Amino acid sequence: MGKEKYIIQSADQCLEILLLLCVPDFMPHTVQEIDMALGLGKNKIYRMLVTLEHKCLVRKHKGRWGVTPEIVKIAYGFRRHLAERREELEDLEMEYSAHHFE
């Protein structure tokens, strides 16, 4: 069974919904469309969307659910993380080059 036994099913399903709304083109979906894609049941999907809405990650507009600009914070944080690592790696490369190629 492995790592699967540690997965929280409701969290996994909630993230499936969020990914569906984000990838590939941030297209808003109705609850019915989400259910057709994921087969989780309309009631469960609605409750998960309301949970994501509570965290300001999605909103409902004209009967369709889509991600909010709040999702950009996640991407921005990841880009910052990568930028910090890039500087660290560049510093290591410079240090290595200075000591080994003189």
Protein backbone atom coordinates (compact mmCIF):
# COMPACT_ATOMS: atom_id res chain seq x y z
CA MET A 1 0.00 0.00 0.00
CA GLY A 2 2.87 2.42 0.73
CA LYS A 3 2.35 6.14 0.90
CA GLU A 4 -1.30 5.89 -0.20
CA LYS A 5 -2.31 4.98 3.35
CA TYR A 6 -1.21 8.45 4.49
CA ILE A 7 -3.22 10.37 1.89
CA ILE A 8 -6.19 12.29 3.26
CA GLN A 9 -8.84 11.54 0.68
CA SER A 10 -10.86 14.74 1.12
CA ALA A 11 -7.73 16.92 0.85
CA ASP A 12 -6.64 14.98 -2.23
CA GLN A 13 -10.04 15.48 -3.85
CA CYS A 14 -10.09 19.16 -2.97
CA LEU A 15 -6.72 19.59 -4.65
CA GLU A 16 -7.99 17.67 -7.69
CA ILE A 17 -10.75 20.26 -8.03
CA LEU A 18 -8.30 23.13 -7.68
CA LEU A 19 -5.97 21.62 -10.29
CA LEU A 20 -8.89 21.09 -12.66
CA LEU A 21 -9.75 24.78 -12.36
CA CYS A 22 -6.12 25.82 -12.92
CA VAL A 23 -4.82 23.52 -15.63
CA PRO A 24 -4.43 24.08 -18.45
CA ASP A 25 -6.11 27.46 -18.93
CA PHE A 26 -7.78 28.62 -15.69
CA MET A 27 -11.21 27.84 -17.14
CA PRO A 28 -14.17 28.28 -14.78
CA HIS A 29 -16.41 25.23 -14.42
CA THR A 30 -19.89 24.52 -13.11
CA VAL A 31 -20.33 22.00 -10.32
CA GLN A 32 -21.84 19.64 -12.90
CA GLU A 33 -18.79 19.97 -15.18
CA ILE A 34 -16.46 19.27 -12.26
CA ASP A 35 -18.54 16.23 -11.35
CA MET A 36 -18.43 14.97 -14.94
CA ALA A 37 -14.63 15.34 -14.95
CA LEU A 38 -13.89 13.93 -11.51
CA GLY A 39 -16.97 11.95 -10.49
CA LEU A 40 -16.90 13.04 -6.87
CA GLY A 41 -20.57 13.90 -6.48
CA LYS A 42 -22.13 17.34 -6.70
CA ASN A 43 -22.71 17.75 -2.95
CA LYS A 44 -19.09 16.92 -2.06
CA ILE A 45 -17.78 19.14 -4.86
CA TYR A 46 -19.90 22.07 -3.71
CA ARG A 47 -18.67 21.71 -0.11
CA MET A 48 -15.06 21.56 -1.29
CA LEU A 49 -15.55 24.63 -3.48
CA VAL A 50 -16.99 26.52 -0.52
CA THR A 51 -13.94 25.44 1.50
CA LEU A 52 -11.62 26.73 -1.23
CA GLU A 53 -13.71 29.90 -1.39
CA HIS A 54 -13.24 30.33 2.36
CA LYS A 55 -9.48 30.43 1.69
CA CYS A 56 -10.09 32.93 -1.16
CA LEU A 57 -8.67 30.51 -3.75
CA VAL A 58 -11.86 30.21 -5.83
CA ARG A 59 -15.03 32.20 -6.36
CA LYS A 60 -18.37 31.66 -8.04
CA HIS A 61 -19.35 33.99 -10.85
CA LYS A 62 -22.47 33.49 -12.99
CA GLY A 63 -22.81 29.86 -11.88
CA ARG A 64 -19.22 28.94 -12.68
CA TRP A 65 -16.36 28.42 -10.26
CA GLY A 66 -12.90 29.70 -11.06
CA VAL A 67 -9.66 30.46 -9.32
CA THR A 68 -9.01 33.91 -7.90
CA PRO A 69 -5.87 36.03 -8.21
CA GLU A 70 -5.02 34.75 -4.71
CA ILE A 71 -3.66 31.63 -6.42
CA VAL A 72 -0.84 33.81 -7.74
CA LYS A 73 0.58 34.01 -4.21
CA ILE A 74 1.42 30.31 -4.42
CA ALA A 75 3.17 30.73 -7.77
CA TYR A 76 4.93 33.88 -6.60
CA GLY A 77 6.22 32.14 -3.48
CA PHE A 78 7.54 29.26 -5.57
CA ARG A 79 9.25 31.61 -8.03
CA ARG A 80 10.89 33.41 -5.10
CA HIS A 81 12.04 30.07 -3.72
CA LEU A 82 13.56 29.15 -7.08
CA ALA A 83 15.26 32.54 -7.35
CA GLU A 84 16.82 32.09 -3.91
CA ARG A 85 18.07 28.64 -4.86
CA ARG A 86 19.41 29.92 -8.18
CA GLU A 87 21.58 32.48 -6.38
CA GLU A 88 22.79 29.79 -4.00
CA LEU A 89 23.69 27.47 -6.88
CA GLU A 90 25.42 30.26 -8.79
CA ASP A 91 27.47 31.10 -5.68
CA LEU A 92 28.48 27.44 -5.31
CA GLU A 93 29.44 27.28 -8.97
CA MET A 94 31.57 30.43 -8.67
CA GLU A 95 33.23 29.12 -5.51
CA TYR A 96 33.93 25.76 -7.11
CA SER A 97 35.27 27.35 -10.31
CA ALA A 98 37.53 29.72 -8.35
CA HIS A 99 39.09 26.91 -6.31
CA HIS A 100 39.38 24.22 -8.94
CA PHE A 101 40.27 26.01 -12.14
CA GLU A 102 43.00 28.43 -11.05
